[in-house]
Protein backbone atom coordinates (compact mmCIF):
# COMPACT_ATOMS: atom_id res chain seq x y z
CA LYS A 1 0.01 0.03 0.02
CA MET A 2 1.01 3.66 -0.52
CA ILE A 3 1.94 5.76 2.47
CA SER A 4 -0.76 8.28 3.36
CA ASP A 5 -0.76 11.89 2.17
CA GLU A 6 -0.75 13.05 5.81
CA LEU A 7 2.50 11.13 6.49
CA ILE A 8 4.04 12.54 3.37
CA LYS A 9 3.08 16.07 4.46
CA ALA A 10 4.50 15.48 7.93
CA ILE A 11 7.76 14.32 6.41
CA GLU A 12 7.84 17.38 4.16
CA ASP A 13 7.11 19.73 7.08
CA SER A 14 9.87 18.26 9.31
CA LYS A 15 13.29 19.84 9.41
CA PHE A 16 15.04 16.98 11.19
CA TYR A 17 14.78 13.17 10.77
CA ILE A 18 15.98 10.42 13.02
CA ILE A 19 16.00 7.18 11.10
CA VAL A 20 16.25 4.03 13.28
CA PHE A 21 17.50 1.10 11.31
CA SER A 22 16.94 -2.29 12.82
CA LYS A 23 17.24 -5.86 11.66
CA ASN A 24 13.70 -5.90 10.28
CA TYR A 25 13.57 -2.26 8.98
CA ALA A 26 13.96 -3.32 5.33
CA SER A 27 11.07 -5.78 5.51
CA SER A 28 8.63 -2.87 5.73
CA SER A 29 7.70 -1.34 2.42
CA TRP A 30 6.18 1.57 4.44
CA CYS A 31 9.49 2.27 6.19
CA LEU A 32 11.33 2.07 2.84
CA GLU A 33 8.87 4.47 1.17
CA GLU A 34 9.23 6.91 4.13
CA LEU A 35 12.99 6.64 3.79
CA VAL A 36 12.78 7.53 0.04
CA LYS A 37 10.71 10.60 0.92
CA ILE A 38 13.13 11.60 3.74
CA MET A 39 16.09 11.37 1.39
CA GLU A 40 14.21 13.42 -1.24
CA CYS A 41 13.48 16.19 1.39
CA ARG A 42 17.04 16.02 2.67
CA LYS A 43 18.34 16.85 -0.90
CA GLY A 44 15.60 19.20 -2.04
CA PHE A 45 15.11 21.19 1.10
CA ALA A 46 18.43 20.70 2.94
CA HIS A 47 16.71 19.05 5.90
CA THR A 48 18.94 17.16 8.35
CA SER A 49 18.88 13.34 8.79
CA TYR A 50 20.51 11.29 11.52
CA PRO A 51 20.64 7.54 11.22
CA VAL A 52 20.64 5.35 14.25
CA PHE A 53 21.84 1.69 13.66
CA TYR A 54 20.06 -0.43 16.30
CA ASP A 55 21.83 -3.81 16.50
CA VAL A 56 22.80 -3.65 12.78
CA GLU A 57 26.04 -2.50 11.13
CA PRO A 58 25.93 0.48 8.79
CA THR A 59 27.48 -1.74 6.17
CA GLU A 60 24.57 -4.22 6.46
CA VAL A 61 22.20 -1.33 5.71
CA ARG A 62 24.41 0.11 2.90
CA LYS A 63 24.79 -3.18 1.05
CA GLN A 64 21.66 -4.93 2.20
CA THR A 65 23.51 -7.91 3.67
CA GLY A 66 23.13 -10.01 6.81
CA SER A 67 19.83 -9.56 8.63
CA VAL A 68 19.01 -6.41 6.59
CA GLY A 69 19.58 -8.34 3.38
CA ASP A 70 17.34 -11.19 4.63
CA ALA A 71 14.54 -8.66 5.44
CA PHE A 72 14.89 -6.83 2.06
CA ALA A 73 14.84 -10.16 0.08
CA LYS A 74 11.08 -10.45 0.35
CA HIS A 75 10.42 -7.43 -1.94
CA LYS A 76 9.79 -8.41 -5.55
CA ASP A 77 9.00 -5.04 -7.24
CA GLY A 78 12.14 -4.27 -9.18
CA GLU A 79 11.61 -0.50 -9.61
CA ALA A 80 10.59 0.08 -5.99
CA ALA A 81 13.48 -2.14 -4.79
CA ARG A 82 15.93 -0.07 -6.82
CA LYS A 83 14.91 3.24 -5.28
CA TRP A 84 14.78 1.64 -1.80
CA ARG A 85 18.32 0.30 -2.23
CA GLU A 86 19.53 3.77 -3.27
CA ALA A 87 17.81 5.33 -0.25
CA LEU A 88 19.31 2.76 2.17
CA LYS A 89 22.74 3.35 0.74
CA GLU A 90 22.45 7.10 0.88
CA ALA A 91 21.08 7.13 4.45
CA SER A 92 23.68 4.65 5.70
CA ASP A 93 26.46 6.85 4.39
CA LEU A 94 25.37 9.66 6.74
CA ALA A 95 27.08 10.28 10.09
CA GLY A 96 24.94 8.73 12.86
CA TRP A 97 25.01 6.47 15.89
CA GLU A 98 25.62 2.83 16.31
CA LEU A 99 23.83 1.03 19.12
CA LYS A 100 25.25 -2.48 19.28
CA ASN A 101 23.92 -5.31 21.42
CA THR A 102 22.00 -2.96 23.62
CA PHE A 103 20.61 -4.42 26.88
CA ASP A 104 17.67 -2.94 28.88
CA GLY A 105 17.39 0.19 26.76
């Protein structure tokens, strides 16, 4: 399904984005569509994005390998997958935070 117009407007109206990548992030087409929109706004409107890598390595997100690759593998739409891959790579190249093996928050 397509993300709602209200969510797109909220993304456009935001100036800062915190993107939390997890092991299952790439399994959600909604999350991936939001990420594409965030990356578009980042470029077009100079909004600021900060990625957080929650128990995943930035390289797993960048290259869609490991648990991120496993989650991404379920997507079949070639054109959508292409833009999602580009957005994942672009976002994972940004400076952010790595939270590895966190315990109790």
